[in-house]
Amino acid sequence: MWLALLFACIPVLHSPGEAMSDEYVMPQNAWPAAESVPAIEGEGFGLGEVVEHRSGPDQNGDTVDLWQFYGQVWVMDVSTIWCQPCQDMAATLQETADAYKDQGFVYVTVLAENELGSVPEEADLDFWAETWGIVDQPVVSDTEGFTAPITGGQFPLLLVIDRDLTVAAQVLVPEDAQLREAVEELL
């Protein structure tokens, strides 16, 4: 009996990736959203994997769901407010988004930490968007902590996601030219 109690208290980590069902309702926000998403299962954030079903609040206080970008080519830029290379990428973000917006492209910034190393709040997201001139792309807080295991503490992490939510590329050198090259291969 004690063994059963002991093992019952051990947390089990699992992917929240769940098959999409017909009852799924897209969040109401200002960002592009698919009319529907086929039955898929989130696998992770590695190359060739379908991104996990994750969500978080954006700079407008709305919920953004990663799966809402089904049908788009998009970038998931995992950054922190305190990171200089992240700031360098943010400085070119709007220009990159504008270059491809007519081709079904979205640039999603997921902020993992604010300048104090805490979970970013809406004011932090607003600050990021205003500071870097991000006018029409989502800036999302990682309130669930899902980015920690995929970044390994290195920021920014740039994932290029194809139209069926599969991670198609990881940009290892966080520069706009390398990001654009990876995006253009999918458009």
C-alpha atoms as a PDB file:
ATOM      1  CA  MET A   1       0.000   0.000   0.000  1.00  0.00           C
ATOM      2  CA  TRP A   2       2.813   2.436   0.838  1.00  0.00           C
ATOM      3  CA  LEU A   3       4.386   1.787  -2.525  1.00  0.00           C
ATOM      4  CA  ALA A   4       1.130   2.662  -4.263  1.00  0.00           C
ATOM      5  CA  LEU A   5       0.926   5.924  -2.311  1.00  0.00           C
ATOM      6  CA  LEU A   6       4.561   6.706  -3.024  1.00  0.00           C
ATOM      7  CA  PHE A   7       4.193   6.214  -6.763  1.00  0.00           C
ATOM      8  CA  ALA A   8       0.859   8.025  -6.844  1.00  0.00           C
ATOM      9  CA  CYS A   9       2.632  11.209  -5.754  1.00  0.00           C
ATOM     10  CA  ILE A  10       5.249  11.195  -8.497  1.00  0.00           C
ATOM     11  CA  PRO A  11       4.347  13.721 -11.184  1.00  0.00           C
ATOM     12  CA  VAL A  12       4.146  12.345 -14.681  1.00  0.00           C
ATOM     13  CA  LEU A  13       5.152  14.652 -17.483  1.00  0.00           C
ATOM     14  CA  HIS A  14       3.294  14.286 -20.737  1.00  0.00           C
ATOM     15  CA  SER A  15       2.703  16.256 -23.857  1.00  0.00           C
ATOM     16  CA  PRO A  16      -0.533  18.172 -23.792  1.00  0.00           C
ATOM     17  CA  GLY A  17      -0.722  17.442 -27.502  1.00  0.00           C
ATOM     18  CA  GLU A  18      -4.207  16.232 -28.082  1.00  0.00           C
ATOM     19  CA  ALA A  19      -6.074  15.267 -31.172  1.00  0.00           C
ATOM     20  CA  MET A  20      -8.144  18.114 -32.544  1.00  0.00           C
ATOM     21  CA  SER A  21     -11.836  17.407 -32.403  1.00  0.00           C
ATOM     22  CA  ASP A  22     -14.867  18.862 -34.140  1.00  0.00           C
ATOM     23  CA  GLU A  23     -15.780  20.655 -30.902  1.00  0.00           C
ATOM     24  CA  TYR A  24     -12.625  22.760 -30.981  1.00  0.00           C
ATOM     25  CA  VAL A  25     -13.316  26.490 -31.037  1.00  0.00           C
ATOM     26  CA  MET A  26     -10.696  28.932 -32.256  1.00  0.00           C
ATOM     27  CA  PRO A  27      -9.894  31.721 -29.818  1.00  0.00           C
ATOM     28  CA  GLN A  28     -11.284  35.161 -30.535  1.00  0.00           C
ATOM     29  CA  ASN A  29      -8.371  37.495 -31.221  1.00  0.00           C
ATOM     30  CA  ALA A  30      -6.977  39.836 -33.861  1.00  0.00           C
ATOM     31  CA  TRP A  31      -4.632  37.292 -35.478  1.00  0.00           C
ATOM     32  CA  PRO A  32      -5.109  35.036 -38.492  1.00  0.00           C
ATOM     33  CA  ALA A  33      -6.978  31.858 -37.655  1.00  0.00           C
ATOM     34  CA  ALA A  34      -7.893  28.782 -39.629  1.00  0.00           C
ATOM     35  CA  GLU A  35     -11.570  28.098 -40.143  1.00  0.00           C
ATOM     36  CA  SER A  36     -10.924  24.604 -38.829  1.00  0.00           C
ATOM     37  CA  VAL A  37      -8.049  22.326 -37.981  1.00  0.00           C
ATOM     38  CA  PRO A  38      -8.063  18.674 -39.030  1.00  0.00           C
ATOM     39  CA  ALA A  39      -7.631  15.911 -36.488  1.00  0.00           C
ATOM     40  CA  ILE A  40      -3.944  16.165 -35.609  1.00  0.00           C
ATOM     41  CA  GLU A  41      -1.828  15.355 -32.614  1.00  0.00           C
ATOM     42  CA  GLY A  42       0.850  17.627 -31.219  1.00  0.00           C
ATOM     43  CA  GLU A  43       4.227  15.937 -31.025  1.00  0.00           C
ATOM     44  CA  GLY A  44       6.663  18.577 -29.821  1.00  0.00           C
ATOM     45  CA  PHE A  45       8.855  21.305 -31.251  1.00  0.00           C
ATOM     46  CA  GLY A  46      11.585  19.295 -32.972  1.00  0.00           C
ATOM     47  CA  LEU A  47      12.222  19.208 -36.706  1.00  0.00           C
ATOM     48  CA  GLY A  48       9.477  17.295 -38.480  1.00  0.00           C
ATOM     49  CA  GLU A  49       7.143  17.330 -35.480  1.00  0.00           C
ATOM     50  CA  VAL A  50       3.652  18.821 -35.334  1.00  0.00           C
ATOM     51  CA  VAL A  51       3.790  21.637 -32.791  1.00  0.00           C
ATOM     52  CA  GLU A  52       2.167  20.979 -29.458  1.00  0.00           C
ATOM     53  CA  HIS A  53      -1.215  22.503 -28.768  1.00  0.00           C
ATOM     54  CA  ARG A  54      -0.267  25.492 -26.597  1.00  0.00           C
ATOM     55  CA  SER A  55      -1.720  28.912 -25.877  1.00  0.00           C
ATOM     56  CA  GLY A  56      -1.029  32.089 -23.964  1.00  0.00           C
ATOM     57  CA  PRO A  57      -2.137  35.692 -23.579  1.00  0.00           C
ATOM     58  CA  ASP A  58      -1.049  38.286 -26.124  1.00  0.00           C
ATOM     59  CA  GLN A  59      -0.301  42.005 -25.966  1.00  0.00           C
ATOM     60  CA  ASN A  60      -4.038  42.730 -26.333  1.00  0.00           C
ATOM     61  CA  GLY A  61      -5.022  40.542 -23.391  1.00  0.00           C
ATOM     62  CA  ASP A  62      -6.525  37.916 -25.719  1.00  0.00           C
ATOM     63  CA  THR A  63      -5.666  34.230 -25.858  1.00  0.00           C
ATOM     64  CA  VAL A  64      -3.526  33.061 -28.774  1.00  0.00           C
ATOM     65  CA  ASP A  65      -3.565  29.372 -29.664  1.00  0.00           C
ATOM     66  CA  LEU A  66      -0.610  28.082 -31.699  1.00  0.00           C
ATOM     67  CA  TRP A  67      -2.899  25.791 -33.662  1.00  0.00           C
ATOM     68  CA  GLN A  68      -4.941  28.743 -34.902  1.00  0.00           C
ATOM     69  CA  PHE A  69      -2.129  29.368 -37.410  1.00  0.00           C
ATOM     70  CA  TYR A  70      -2.893  26.147 -39.267  1.00  0.00           C
ATOM     71  CA  GLY A  71      -2.755  26.941 -42.989  1.00  0.00           C
ATOM     72  CA  GLN A  72      -0.168  29.724 -42.520  1.00  0.00           C
ATOM     73  CA  VAL A  73       3.599  29.648 -42.794  1.00  0.00           C
ATOM     74  CA  TRP A  74       4.747  31.128 -39.511  1.00  0.00           C
ATOM     75  CA  VAL A  75       7.705  31.688 -37.272  1.00  0.00           C
ATOM     76  CA  MET A  76       7.728  30.944 -33.576  1.00  0.00           C
ATOM     77  CA  ASP A  77      10.410  33.207 -32.144  1.00  0.00           C
ATOM     78  CA  VAL A  78      11.057  32.241 -28.523  1.00  0.00           C
ATOM     79  CA  SER A  79      12.735  35.239 -26.929  1.00  0.00           C
ATOM     80  CA  THR A  80      13.267  36.974 -23.622  1.00  0.00           C
ATOM     81  CA  ILE A  81      13.095  40.689 -22.942  1.00  0.00           C
ATOM     82  CA  TRP A  82      16.613  40.789 -21.467  1.00  0.00           C
ATOM     83  CA  CYS A  83      18.342  39.026 -24.400  1.00  0.00           C
ATOM     84  CA  GLN A  84      20.319  41.247 -26.826  1.00  0.00           C
ATOM     85  CA  PRO A  85      20.148  38.832 -29.818  1.00  0.00           C
ATOM     86  CA  CYS A  86      16.377  38.614 -29.181  1.00  0.00           C
ATOM     87  CA  GLN A  87      16.160  42.399 -29.316  1.00  0.00           C
ATOM     88  CA  ASP A  88      18.178  42.403 -32.543  1.00  0.00           C
ATOM     89  CA  MET A  89      15.671  39.979 -34.122  1.00  0.00           C
ATOM     90  CA  ALA A  90      12.733  42.016 -32.830  1.00  0.00           C
ATOM     91  CA  ALA A  91      14.153  45.124 -34.495  1.00  0.00           C
ATOM     92  CA  THR A  92      13.654  43.515 -37.940  1.00  0.00           C
ATOM     93  CA  LEU A  93      10.522  41.518 -37.112  1.00  0.00           C
ATOM     94  CA  GLN A  94       7.898  43.894 -38.536  1.00  0.00           C
ATOM     95  CA  GLU A  95       9.877  44.405 -41.743  1.00  0.00           C
ATOM     96  CA  THR A  96      10.139  40.623 -42.203  1.00  0.00           C
ATOM     97  CA  ALA A  97       6.432  40.140 -41.483  1.00  0.00           C
ATOM     98  CA  ASP A  98       5.523  42.897 -43.949  1.00  0.00           C
ATOM     99  CA  ALA A  99       7.634  41.292 -46.683  1.00  0.00           C
ATOM    100  CA  TYR A 100       5.566  38.083 -46.581  1.00  0.00           C
ATOM    101  CA  LYS A 101       2.166  39.083 -45.169  1.00  0.00           C
ATOM    102  CA  ASP A 102       0.417  38.755 -48.553  1.00  0.00           C
ATOM    103  CA  GLN A 103       1.622  35.150 -48.794  1.00  0.00           C
ATOM    104  CA  GLY A 104      -0.020  33.870 -45.607  1.00  0.00           C
ATOM    105  CA  PHE A 105       2.840  34.509 -43.179  1.00  0.00           C
ATOM    106  CA  VAL A 106       2.687  35.274 -39.451  1.00  0.00           C
ATOM    107  CA  TYR A 107       5.554  36.068 -37.068  1.00  0.00           C
ATOM    108  CA  VAL A 108       4.690  34.919 -33.535  1.00  0.00           C
ATOM    109  CA  THR A 109       6.951  36.036 -30.701  1.00  0.00           C
ATOM    110  CA  VAL A 110       6.662  33.926 -27.565  1.00  0.00           C
ATOM    111  CA  LEU A 111       8.303  35.740 -24.661  1.00  0.00           C
ATOM    112  CA  ALA A 112       9.604  33.308 -22.075  1.00  0.00           C
ATOM    113  CA  GLU A 113      10.882  35.847 -19.525  1.00  0.00           C
ATOM    114  CA  ASN A 114      10.715  39.541 -18.746  1.00  0.00           C
ATOM    115  CA  GLU A 115      13.752  41.581 -17.684  1.00  0.00           C
ATOM    116  CA  LEU A 116      13.535  40.091 -14.168  1.00  0.00           C
ATOM    117  CA  GLY A 117      13.395  36.492 -15.397  1.00  0.00           C
ATOM    118  CA  SER A 118       9.686  36.177 -14.568  1.00  0.00           C
ATOM    119  CA  VAL A 119       6.748  35.227 -16.758  1.00  0.00           C
ATOM    120  CA  PRO A 120       5.902  38.265 -18.920  1.00  0.00           C
ATOM    121  CA  GLU A 121       2.679  40.089 -18.120  1.00  0.00           C
ATOM    122  CA  GLU A 122       0.537  42.050 -20.577  1.00  0.00           C
ATOM    123  CA  ALA A 123       2.484  45.266 -19.816  1.00  0.00           C
ATOM    124  CA  ASP A 124       5.722  43.454 -20.756  1.00  0.00           C
ATOM    125  CA  LEU A 125       4.177  42.265 -24.026  1.00  0.00           C
ATOM    126  CA  ASP A 126       2.978  45.814 -24.786  1.00  0.00           C
ATOM    127  CA  PHE A 127       6.451  47.156 -23.996  1.00  0.00           C
ATOM    128  CA  TRP A 128       8.060  44.649 -26.377  1.00  0.00           C
ATOM    129  CA  ALA A 129       5.637  45.414 -29.205  1.00  0.00           C
ATOM    130  CA  GLU A 130       5.940  49.196 -28.769  1.00  0.00           C
ATOM    131  CA  THR A 131       9.712  49.216 -28.347  1.00  0.00           C
ATOM    132  CA  TRP A 132      10.306  47.215 -31.519  1.00  0.00           C
ATOM    133  CA  GLY A 133       7.501  48.656 -33.639  1.00  0.00           C
ATOM    134  CA  ILE A 134       5.538  45.414 -33.837  1.00  0.00           C
ATOM    135  CA  VAL A 135       2.172  46.670 -35.046  1.00  0.00           C
ATOM    136  CA  ASP A 136       0.349  43.658 -36.454  1.00  0.00           C
ATOM    137  CA  GLN A 137       2.022  40.466 -35.203  1.00  0.00           C
ATOM    138  CA  PRO A 138       1.258  38.567 -31.983  1.00  0.00           C
ATOM    139  CA  VAL A 139       3.512  38.808 -28.950  1.00  0.00           C
ATOM    140  CA  VAL A 140       2.556  35.993 -26.563  1.00  0.00           C
ATOM    141  CA  SER A 141       3.532  35.222 -22.976  1.00  0.00           C
ATOM    142  CA  ASP A 142       4.670  31.692 -22.174  1.00  0.00           C
ATOM    143  CA  THR A 143       2.548  31.414 -19.047  1.00  0.00           C
ATOM    144  CA  GLU A 144       2.693  27.598 -19.276  1.00  0.00           C
ATOM    145  CA  GLY A 145       6.504  27.384 -19.359  1.00  0.00           C
ATOM    146  CA  PHE A 146       6.445  25.165 -22.438  1.00  0.00           C
ATOM    147  CA  THR A 147       9.433  26.883 -24.070  1.00  0.00           C
ATOM    148  CA  ALA A 148      11.963  26.073 -21.326  1.00  0.00           C
ATOM    149  CA  PRO A 149      12.692  22.502 -22.428  1.00  0.00           C
ATOM    150  CA  ILE A 150      12.938  23.406 -26.107  1.00  0.00           C
ATOM    151  CA  THR A 151      15.331  26.359 -25.816  1.00  0.00           C
ATOM    152  CA  GLY A 152      17.900  24.823 -23.508  1.00  0.00           C
ATOM    153  CA  GLY A 153      18.376  28.342 -22.116  1.00  0.00           C
ATOM    154  CA  GLN A 154      19.595  29.716 -25.442  1.00  0.00           C
ATOM    155  CA  PHE A 155      17.668  32.608 -26.924  1.00  0.00           C
ATOM    156  CA  PRO A 156      16.309  33.385 -29.372  1.00  0.00           C
ATOM    157  CA  LEU A 157      15.017  30.094 -30.731  1.00  0.00           C
ATOM    158  CA  LEU A 158      13.503  30.516 -34.180  1.00  0.00           C
ATOM    159  CA  LEU A 159      11.264  27.769 -35.537  1.00  0.00           C
ATOM    160  CA  VAL A 160       9.757  28.021 -39.001  1.00  0.00           C
ATOM    161  CA  ILE A 161       6.428  26.196 -39.089  1.00  0.00           C
ATOM    162  CA  ASP A 162       4.782  25.038 -42.310  1.00  0.00           C
ATOM    163  CA  ARG A 163       1.111  25.234 -43.222  1.00  0.00           C
ATOM    164  CA  ASP A 164       0.261  21.903 -41.568  1.00  0.00           C
ATOM    165  CA  LEU A 165       1.846  22.939 -38.221  1.00  0.00           C
ATOM    166  CA  THR A 166       5.020  20.916 -38.747  1.00  0.00           C
ATOM    167  CA  VAL A 167       8.374  22.358 -37.690  1.00  0.00           C
ATOM    168  CA  ALA A 168      10.141  22.729 -41.037  1.00  0.00           C
ATOM    169  CA  ALA A 169      13.299  24.559 -39.965  1.00  0.00           C
ATOM    170  CA  GLN A 170      15.217  25.757 -36.967  1.00  0.00           C
ATOM    171  CA  VAL A 171      17.235  28.918 -37.548  1.00  0.00           C
ATOM    172  CA  LEU A 172      20.396  28.390 -35.548  1.00  0.00           C
ATOM    173  CA  VAL A 173      22.021  31.714 -36.429  1.00  0.00           C
ATOM    174  CA  PRO A 174      19.489  34.290 -35.274  1.00  0.00           C
ATOM    175  CA  GLU A 175      19.782  36.682 -38.192  1.00  0.00           C
ATOM    176  CA  ASP A 176      17.049  38.027 -40.408  1.00  0.00           C
ATOM    177  CA  ALA A 177      18.708  36.800 -43.641  1.00  0.00           C
ATOM    178  CA  GLN A 178      18.786  33.159 -42.454  1.00  0.00           C
ATOM    179  CA  LEU A 179      15.209  33.425 -41.225  1.00  0.00           C
ATOM    180  CA  ARG A 180      13.983  34.833 -44.534  1.00  0.00           C
ATOM    181  CA  GLU A 181      15.765  32.071 -46.449  1.00  0.00           C
ATOM    182  CA  ALA A 182      13.985  29.398 -44.379  1.00  0.00           C
ATOM    183  CA  VAL A 183      10.616  31.140 -44.774  1.00  0.00           C
ATOM    184  CA  GLU A 184      10.996  31.540 -48.526  1.00  0.00           C
ATOM    185  CA  GLU A 185      11.574  27.795 -48.922  1.00  0.00           C
ATOM    186  CA  LEU A 186       8.032  27.211 -47.610  1.00  0.00           C
ATOM    187  CA  LEU A 187       6.159  30.015 -49.339  1.00  0.00           C
END
